[in-house]
Full PDB file with SEQRES, HELIX, SHEET, SSBOND, CRYST1, ORIGX, SCALE, CONECT and MASTER records, all heavy atoms in Angstrom:
SEQRES   1 A   32  GLY LEU VAL GLN PRO GLY GLY SER LEU ARG LEU SER CYS          
SEQRES   2 A   32  ALA ALA SER GLY SER ILE GLY SER LEU ASN GLY MET GLY          
SEQRES   3 A   32  TRP TYR ARG GLN GLY PRO                                      
CRYST1    1.000    1.000    1.000  90.00  90.00  90.00 P 1           1          
ORIGX1      1.000000  0.000000  0.000000        0.00000                         
ORIGX2      0.000000  1.000000  0.000000        0.00000                         
ORIGX3      0.000000  0.000000  1.000000        0.00000                         
SCALE1      1.000000  0.000000  0.000000        0.00000                         
SCALE2      0.000000  1.000000  0.000000        0.00000                         
SCALE3      0.000000  0.000000  1.000000        0.00000                         
ATOM      1  N   GLY A   1      85.976   0.167 -27.762  1.00  0.00           N  
ATOM      2  CA  GLY A   1      85.549   1.552 -27.649  1.00  0.00           C  
ATOM      3  C   GLY A   1      86.693   2.467 -27.282  1.00  0.00           C  
ATOM      4  O   GLY A   1      87.860   2.078 -27.326  1.00  0.00           O  
ATOM      5  N   LEU A   2      86.323   3.681 -26.915  1.00  0.00           N  
ATOM      6  CA  LEU A   2      87.282   4.704 -26.501  1.00  0.00           C  
ATOM      7  C   LEU A   2      87.276   4.809 -24.977  1.00  0.00           C  
ATOM      8  O   LEU A   2      86.205   4.898 -24.366  1.00  0.00           O  
ATOM      9  CB  LEU A   2      86.894   6.049 -27.119  1.00  0.00           C  
ATOM     10  CG  LEU A   2      87.682   7.276 -26.660  1.00  0.00           C  
ATOM     11  CD1 LEU A   2      89.148   7.162 -27.073  1.00  0.00           C  
ATOM     12  CD2 LEU A   2      87.054   8.541 -27.230  1.00  0.00           C  
ATOM     13  N   VAL A   3      88.454   4.774 -24.389  1.00  0.00           N  
ATOM     14  CA  VAL A   3      88.564   4.848 -22.938  1.00  0.00           C  
ATOM     15  C   VAL A   3      89.782   5.692 -22.585  1.00  0.00           C  
ATOM     16  O   VAL A   3      90.757   5.740 -23.349  1.00  0.00           O  
ATOM     17  CB  VAL A   3      88.666   3.431 -22.327  1.00  0.00           C  
ATOM     18  CG1 VAL A   3      89.929   2.722 -22.783  1.00  0.00           C  
ATOM     19  CG2 VAL A   3      88.564   3.456 -20.819  1.00  0.00           C  
ATOM     20  N   GLN A   4      89.718   6.356 -21.443  1.00  0.00           N  
ATOM     21  CA  GLN A   4      90.841   7.173 -20.991  1.00  0.00           C  
ATOM     22  C   GLN A   4      91.923   6.294 -20.381  1.00  0.00           C  
ATOM     23  O   GLN A   4      91.632   5.188 -19.888  1.00  0.00           O  
ATOM     24  CB  GLN A   4      90.361   8.199 -19.972  1.00  0.00           C  
ATOM     25  CG  GLN A   4      89.458   9.263 -20.550  1.00  0.00           C  
ATOM     26  CD  GLN A   4      89.140  10.353 -19.549  1.00  0.00           C  
ATOM     27  OE1 GLN A   4      89.308  10.177 -18.342  1.00  0.00           O  
ATOM     28  NE2 GLN A   4      88.701  11.489 -20.049  1.00  0.00           N  
ATOM     29  N   PRO A   5      93.152   6.754 -20.394  1.00  0.00           N  
ATOM     30  CA  PRO A   5      94.218   5.994 -19.713  1.00  0.00           C  
ATOM     31  C   PRO A   5      93.845   5.709 -18.269  1.00  0.00           C  
ATOM     32  O   PRO A   5      93.298   6.573 -17.571  1.00  0.00           O  
ATOM     33  CB  PRO A   5      95.422   6.947 -19.805  1.00  0.00           C  
ATOM     34  CG  PRO A   5      95.167   7.747 -21.029  1.00  0.00           C  
ATOM     35  CD  PRO A   5      93.676   7.951 -21.074  1.00  0.00           C  
ATOM     36  N   GLY A   6      94.124   4.487 -17.859  1.00  0.00           N  
ATOM     37  CA  GLY A   6      93.757   4.036 -16.525  1.00  0.00           C  
ATOM     38  C   GLY A   6      92.380   3.414 -16.439  1.00  0.00           C  
ATOM     39  O   GLY A   6      92.019   2.842 -15.399  1.00  0.00           O  
ATOM     40  N   GLY A   7      91.619   3.512 -17.516  1.00  0.00           N  
ATOM     41  CA  GLY A   7      90.270   2.969 -17.520  1.00  0.00           C  
ATOM     42  C   GLY A   7      90.222   1.480 -17.821  1.00  0.00           C  
ATOM     43  O   GLY A   7      91.261   0.815 -17.950  1.00  0.00           O  
ATOM     44  N   SER A   8      89.002   0.972 -17.927  1.00  0.00           N  
ATOM     45  CA  SER A   8      88.783  -0.458 -18.140  1.00  0.00           C  
ATOM     46  C   SER A   8      87.796  -0.694 -19.272  1.00  0.00           C  
ATOM     47  O   SER A   8      86.921   0.144 -19.530  1.00  0.00           O  
ATOM     48  CB  SER A   8      88.235  -1.104 -16.866  1.00  0.00           C  
ATOM     49  OG  SER A   8      89.145  -0.990 -15.792  1.00  0.00           O  
ATOM     50  N   LEU A   9      87.945  -1.840 -19.906  1.00  0.00           N  
ATOM     51  CA  LEU A   9      86.997  -2.330 -20.902  1.00  0.00           C  
ATOM     52  C   LEU A   9      86.945  -3.843 -20.800  1.00  0.00           C  
ATOM     53  O   LEU A   9      87.925  -4.472 -20.372  1.00  0.00           O  
ATOM     54  CB  LEU A   9      87.437  -1.957 -22.328  1.00  0.00           C  
ATOM     55  CG  LEU A   9      87.201  -0.545 -22.850  1.00  0.00           C  
ATOM     56  CD1 LEU A   9      87.831  -0.396 -24.225  1.00  0.00           C  
ATOM     57  CD2 LEU A   9      85.723  -0.210 -22.894  1.00  0.00           C  
ATOM     58  N   ARG A  10      85.818  -4.405 -21.209  1.00  0.00           N  
ATOM     59  CA  ARG A  10      85.714  -5.857 -21.292  1.00  0.00           C  
ATOM     60  C   ARG A  10      85.287  -6.229 -22.701  1.00  0.00           C  
ATOM     61  O   ARG A  10      84.240  -5.772 -23.186  1.00  0.00           O  
ATOM     62  CB  ARG A  10      84.729  -6.428 -20.278  1.00  0.00           C  
ATOM     63  CG  ARG A  10      84.798  -7.954 -20.229  1.00  0.00           C  
ATOM     64  CD  ARG A  10      83.897  -8.559 -19.172  1.00  0.00           C  
ATOM     65  NE  ARG A  10      82.520  -8.705 -19.630  1.00  0.00           N  
ATOM     66  CZ  ARG A  10      81.699  -9.639 -19.173  1.00  0.00           C  
ATOM     67  NH1 ARG A  10      82.118 -10.520 -18.260  1.00  0.00           N  
ATOM     68  NH2 ARG A  10      80.450  -9.683 -19.610  1.00  0.00           N  
ATOM     69  N   LEU A  11      86.086  -7.062 -23.325  1.00  0.00           N  
ATOM     70  CA  LEU A  11      85.766  -7.576 -24.647  1.00  0.00           C  
ATOM     71  C   LEU A  11      85.121  -8.950 -24.519  1.00  0.00           C  
ATOM     72  O   LEU A  11      85.457  -9.715 -23.614  1.00  0.00           O  
ATOM     73  CB  LEU A  11      87.026  -7.694 -25.502  1.00  0.00           C  
ATOM     74  CG  LEU A  11      87.890  -6.441 -25.653  1.00  0.00           C  
ATOM     75  CD1 LEU A  11      89.066  -6.727 -26.568  1.00  0.00           C  
ATOM     76  CD2 LEU A  11      87.085  -5.267 -26.138  1.00  0.00           C  
ATOM     77  N   SER A  12      84.219  -9.246 -25.449  1.00  0.00           N  
ATOM     78  CA  SER A  12      83.580 -10.556 -25.501  1.00  0.00           C  
ATOM     79  C   SER A  12      83.775 -11.149 -26.885  1.00  0.00           C  
ATOM     80  O   SER A  12      83.833 -10.426 -27.886  1.00  0.00           O  
ATOM     81  CB  SER A  12      82.081 -10.436 -25.230  1.00  0.00           C  
ATOM     82  OG  SER A  12      81.826  -9.885 -23.965  1.00  0.00           O  
ATOM     83  N   CYS A  13      83.860 -12.465 -26.944  1.00  0.00           N  
ATOM     84  CA  CYS A  13      83.933 -13.178 -28.216  1.00  0.00           C  
ATOM     85  C   CYS A  13      83.022 -14.388 -28.132  1.00  0.00           C  
ATOM     86  O   CYS A  13      83.303 -15.318 -27.365  1.00  0.00           O  
ATOM     87  CB  CYS A  13      85.353 -13.611 -28.536  1.00  0.00           C  
ATOM     88  SG  CYS A  13      85.467 -14.653 -30.011  1.00  0.00           S  
ATOM     89  N   ALA A  14      81.960 -14.355 -28.912  1.00  0.00           N  
ATOM     90  CA  ALA A  14      81.017 -15.464 -28.946  1.00  0.00           C  
ATOM     91  C   ALA A  14      81.353 -16.354 -30.132  1.00  0.00           C  
ATOM     92  O   ALA A  14      81.444 -15.873 -31.266  1.00  0.00           O  
ATOM     93  CB  ALA A  14      79.594 -14.932 -29.057  1.00  0.00           C  
ATOM     94  N   ALA A  15      81.514 -17.643 -29.852  1.00  0.00           N  
ATOM     95  CA  ALA A  15      81.867 -18.607 -30.891  1.00  0.00           C  
ATOM     96  C   ALA A  15      80.657 -19.454 -31.241  1.00  0.00           C  
ATOM     97  O   ALA A  15      79.870 -19.824 -30.367  1.00  0.00           O  
ATOM     98  CB  ALA A  15      83.008 -19.499 -30.410  1.00  0.00           C  
ATOM     99  N   SER A  16      80.527 -19.768 -32.518  1.00  0.00           N  
ATOM    100  CA  SER A  16      79.469 -20.664 -32.965  1.00  0.00           C  
ATOM    101  C   SER A  16      80.049 -21.626 -33.995  1.00  0.00           C  
ATOM    102  O   SER A  16      81.094 -21.383 -34.584  1.00  0.00           O  
ATOM    103  CB  SER A  16      78.297 -19.879 -33.552  1.00  0.00           C  
ATOM    104  OG  SER A  16      78.715 -19.132 -34.672  1.00  0.00           O  
ATOM    105  N   GLY A  17      79.325 -22.722 -34.193  1.00  0.00           N  
ATOM    106  CA  GLY A  17      79.806 -23.742 -35.114  1.00  0.00           C  
ATOM    107  C   GLY A  17      80.444 -24.898 -34.363  1.00  0.00           C  
ATOM    108  O   GLY A  17      80.350 -24.999 -33.140  1.00  0.00           O  
ATOM    109  N   SER A  18      81.159 -25.724 -35.073  1.00  0.00           N  
ATOM    110  CA  SER A  18      81.756 -26.935 -34.504  1.00  0.00           C  
ATOM    111  C   SER A  18      83.108 -26.605 -33.881  1.00  0.00           C  
ATOM    112  O   SER A  18      84.165 -26.862 -34.469  1.00  0.00           O  
ATOM    113  CB  SER A  18      81.907 -28.003 -35.581  1.00  0.00           C  
ATOM    114  OG  SER A  18      80.653 -28.319 -36.155  1.00  0.00           O  
ATOM    115  N   ILE A  19      83.083 -26.041 -32.672  1.00  0.00           N  
ATOM    116  CA  ILE A  19      84.335 -25.626 -32.057  1.00  0.00           C  
ATOM    117  C   ILE A  19      84.849 -26.637 -31.042  1.00  0.00           C  
ATOM    118  O   ILE A  19      85.998 -26.607 -30.658  1.00  0.00           O  
ATOM    119  CB  ILE A  19      84.200 -24.246 -31.390  1.00  0.00           C  
ATOM    120  CG1 ILE A  19      83.209 -24.307 -30.228  1.00  0.00           C  
ATOM    121  CG2 ILE A  19      83.787 -23.184 -32.403  1.00  0.00           C  
ATOM    122  CD1 ILE A  19      83.236 -23.052 -29.373  1.00  0.00           C  
ATOM    123  N   GLY A  20      84.013 -27.527 -30.574  1.00  0.00           N  
ATOM    124  CA  GLY A  20      84.444 -28.541 -29.608  1.00  0.00           C  
ATOM    125  C   GLY A  20      84.516 -27.985 -28.200  1.00  0.00           C  
ATOM    126  O   GLY A  20      83.670 -28.256 -27.380  1.00  0.00           O  
ATOM    127  N   SER A  21      85.550 -27.188 -27.937  1.00  0.00           N  
ATOM    128  CA  SER A  21      85.701 -26.584 -26.618  1.00  0.00           C  
ATOM    129  C   SER A  21      86.307 -25.202 -26.811  1.00  0.00           C  
ATOM    130  O   SER A  21      86.671 -24.816 -27.931  1.00  0.00           O  
ATOM    131  CB  SER A  21      86.596 -27.433 -25.713  1.00  0.00           C  
ATOM    132  OG  SER A  21      87.967 -27.206 -26.004  1.00  0.00           O  
ATOM    133  N   LEU A  22      86.430 -24.476 -25.704  1.00  0.00           N  
ATOM    134  CA  LEU A  22      87.006 -23.128 -25.773  1.00  0.00           C  
ATOM    135  C   LEU A  22      88.527 -23.155 -25.609  1.00  0.00           C  
ATOM    136  O   LEU A  22      89.171 -22.106 -25.708  1.00  0.00           O  
ATOM    137  CB  LEU A  22      86.380 -22.230 -24.705  1.00  0.00           C  
ATOM    138  CG  LEU A  22      84.879 -22.008 -24.854  1.00  0.00           C  
ATOM    139  CD1 LEU A  22      84.383 -21.077 -23.746  1.00  0.00           C  
ATOM    140  CD2 LEU A  22      84.526 -21.434 -26.214  1.00  0.00           C  
ATOM    141  N   ASN A  23      89.100 -24.325 -25.359  1.00  0.00           N  
ATOM    142  CA  ASN A  23      90.558 -24.409 -25.316  1.00  0.00           C  
ATOM    143  C   ASN A  23      91.117 -24.080 -26.699  1.00  0.00           C  
ATOM    144  O   ASN A  23      90.539 -24.435 -27.720  1.00  0.00           O  
ATOM    145  CB  ASN A  23      91.004 -25.789 -24.871  1.00  0.00           C  
ATOM    146  CG  ASN A  23      90.702 -26.049 -23.413  1.00  0.00           C  
ATOM    147  OD1 ASN A  23      90.482 -25.120 -22.636  1.00  0.00           O  
ATOM    148  ND2 ASN A  23      90.676 -27.309 -23.021  1.00  0.00           N  
ATOM    149  N   GLY A  24      92.234 -23.402 -26.715  1.00  0.00           N  
ATOM    150  CA  GLY A  24      92.808 -22.984 -27.992  1.00  0.00           C  
ATOM    151  C   GLY A  24      92.237 -21.678 -28.500  1.00  0.00           C  
ATOM    152  O   GLY A  24      92.537 -21.264 -29.625  1.00  0.00           O  
ATOM    153  N   MET A  25      91.424 -20.998 -27.705  1.00  0.00           N  
ATOM    154  CA  MET A  25      90.892 -19.686 -28.077  1.00  0.00           C  
ATOM    155  C   MET A  25      91.639 -18.599 -27.346  1.00  0.00           C  
ATOM    156  O   MET A  25      92.133 -18.805 -26.235  1.00  0.00           O  
ATOM    157  CB  MET A  25      89.402 -19.591 -27.742  1.00  0.00           C  
ATOM    158  CG  MET A  25      88.518 -20.321 -28.724  1.00  0.00           C  
ATOM    159  SD  MET A  25      86.761 -19.949 -28.465  1.00  0.00           S  
ATOM    160  CE  MET A  25      86.688 -18.236 -28.995  1.00  0.00           C  
ATOM    161  N   GLY A  26      91.691 -17.438 -27.958  1.00  0.00           N  
ATOM    162  CA  GLY A  26      92.392 -16.349 -27.313  1.00  0.00           C  
ATOM    163  C   GLY A  26      92.191 -15.032 -28.032  1.00  0.00           C  
ATOM    164  O   GLY A  26      91.358 -14.919 -28.934  1.00  0.00           O  
ATOM    165  N   TRP A  27      92.957 -14.062 -27.584  1.00  0.00           N  
ATOM    166  CA  TRP A  27      92.893 -12.697 -28.099  1.00  0.00           C  
ATOM    167  C   TRP A  27      94.247 -12.280 -28.654  1.00  0.00           C  
ATOM    168  O   TRP A  27      95.279 -12.509 -28.021  1.00  0.00           O  
ATOM    169  CB  TRP A  27      92.497 -11.731 -26.990  1.00  0.00           C  
ATOM    170  CG  TRP A  27      91.112 -11.929 -26.478  1.00  0.00           C  
ATOM    171  CD1 TRP A  27      90.724 -12.669 -25.397  1.00  0.00           C  
ATOM    172  CD2 TRP A  27      89.917 -11.374 -27.036  1.00  0.00           C  
ATOM    173  NE1 TRP A  27      89.371 -12.614 -25.258  1.00  0.00           N  
ATOM    174  CE2 TRP A  27      88.839 -11.821 -26.254  1.00  0.00           C  
ATOM    175  CE3 TRP A  27      89.643 -10.539 -28.119  1.00  0.00           C  
ATOM    176  CZ2 TRP A  27      87.521 -11.461 -26.506  1.00  0.00           C  
ATOM    177  CZ3 TRP A  27      88.339 -10.183 -28.385  1.00  0.00           C  
ATOM    178  CH2 TRP A  27      87.294 -10.645 -27.586  1.00  0.00           C  
ATOM    179  N   TYR A  28      94.204 -11.645 -29.818  1.00  0.00           N  
ATOM    180  CA  TYR A  28      95.365 -11.014 -30.424  1.00  0.00           C  
ATOM    181  C   TYR A  28      95.031  -9.536 -30.630  1.00  0.00           C  
ATOM    182  O   TYR A  28      93.876  -9.142 -30.573  1.00  0.00           O  
ATOM    183  CB  TYR A  28      95.688 -11.652 -31.782  1.00  0.00           C  
ATOM    184  CG  TYR A  28      96.332 -13.007 -31.692  1.00  0.00           C  
ATOM    185  CD1 TYR A  28      95.614 -14.114 -31.264  1.00  0.00           C  
ATOM    186  CD2 TYR A  28      97.669 -13.186 -32.051  1.00  0.00           C  
ATOM    187  CE1 TYR A  28      96.208 -15.368 -31.201  1.00  0.00           C  
ATOM    188  CE2 TYR A  28      98.272 -14.436 -31.990  1.00  0.00           C  
ATOM    189  CZ  TYR A  28      97.523 -15.515 -31.559  1.00  0.00           C  
ATOM    190  OH  TYR A  28      98.122 -16.756 -31.487  1.00  0.00           O  
ATOM    191  N   ARG A  29      96.044  -8.755 -30.895  1.00  0.00           N  
ATOM    192  CA  ARG A  29      95.815  -7.348 -31.215  1.00  0.00           C  
ATOM    193  C   ARG A  29      96.813  -6.865 -32.253  1.00  0.00           C  
ATOM    194  O   ARG A  29      97.909  -7.427 -32.374  1.00  0.00           O  
ATOM    195  CB  ARG A  29      95.887  -6.477 -29.969  1.00  0.00           C  
ATOM    196  CG  ARG A  29      97.267  -6.379 -29.345  1.00  0.00           C  
ATOM    197  CD  ARG A  29      97.206  -5.570 -28.038  1.00  0.00           C  
ATOM    198  NE  ARG A  29      98.514  -5.477 -27.393  1.00  0.00           N  
ATOM    199  CZ  ARG A  29      98.710  -4.942 -26.187  1.00  0.00           C  
ATOM    200  NH1 ARG A  29      97.676  -4.448 -25.496  1.00  0.00           N  
ATOM    201  NH2 ARG A  29      99.937  -4.889 -25.681  1.00  0.00           N  
ATOM    202  N   GLN A  30      96.410  -5.835 -32.965  1.00  0.00           N  
ATOM    203  CA  GLN A  30      97.289  -5.224 -33.948  1.00  0.00           C  
ATOM    204  C   GLN A  30      97.178  -3.715 -33.819  1.00  0.00           C  
ATOM    205  O   GLN A  30      96.134  -3.134 -34.136  1.00  0.00           O  
ATOM    206  CB  GLN A  30      96.948  -5.677 -35.367  1.00  0.00           C  
ATOM    207  CG  GLN A  30      97.935  -5.201 -36.402  1.00  0.00           C  
ATOM    208  CD  GLN A  30      97.804  -5.930 -37.720  1.00  0.00           C  
ATOM    209  OE1 GLN A  30      96.807  -6.595 -37.994  1.00  0.00           O  
ATOM    210  NE2 GLN A  30      98.840  -5.844 -38.565  1.00  0.00           N  
ATOM    211  N   GLY A  31      98.258  -3.109 -33.338  1.00  0.00           N  
ATOM    212  CA  GLY A  31      98.304  -1.660 -33.208  1.00  0.00           C  
ATOM    213  C   GLY A  31      98.729  -1.018 -34.512  1.00  0.00           C  
ATOM    214  O   GLY A  31      99.204  -1.690 -35.425  1.00  0.00           O  
ATOM    215  N   PRO A  32      98.589   0.297 -34.596  1.00  0.00           N  
ATOM    216  CA  PRO A  32      98.955   1.019 -35.820  1.00  0.00           C  
ATOM    217  C   PRO A  32     100.419   0.799 -36.186  1.00  0.00           C  
ATOM    218  O   PRO A  32     101.313   1.038 -35.379  1.00  0.00           O  
ATOM    219  CB  PRO A  32      98.704   2.483 -35.444  1.00  0.00           C  
ATOM    220  CG  PRO A  32      97.753   2.439 -34.293  1.00  0.00           C  
ATOM    221  CD  PRO A  32      98.057   1.182 -33.556  1.00  0.00           C  
TER     222      PRO A  32                                                      
MASTER        0    0    0    0    0    0    0    6  221    1    0    3          
END                                                                             
């Protein structure tokens, strides 16, 4: 979402399928 500088957000990622465990999961980003 949109937030002001200094603010906070929480992202969630729900996984489904044959993933085994949550090890090896993470977050990436791509700015303009």
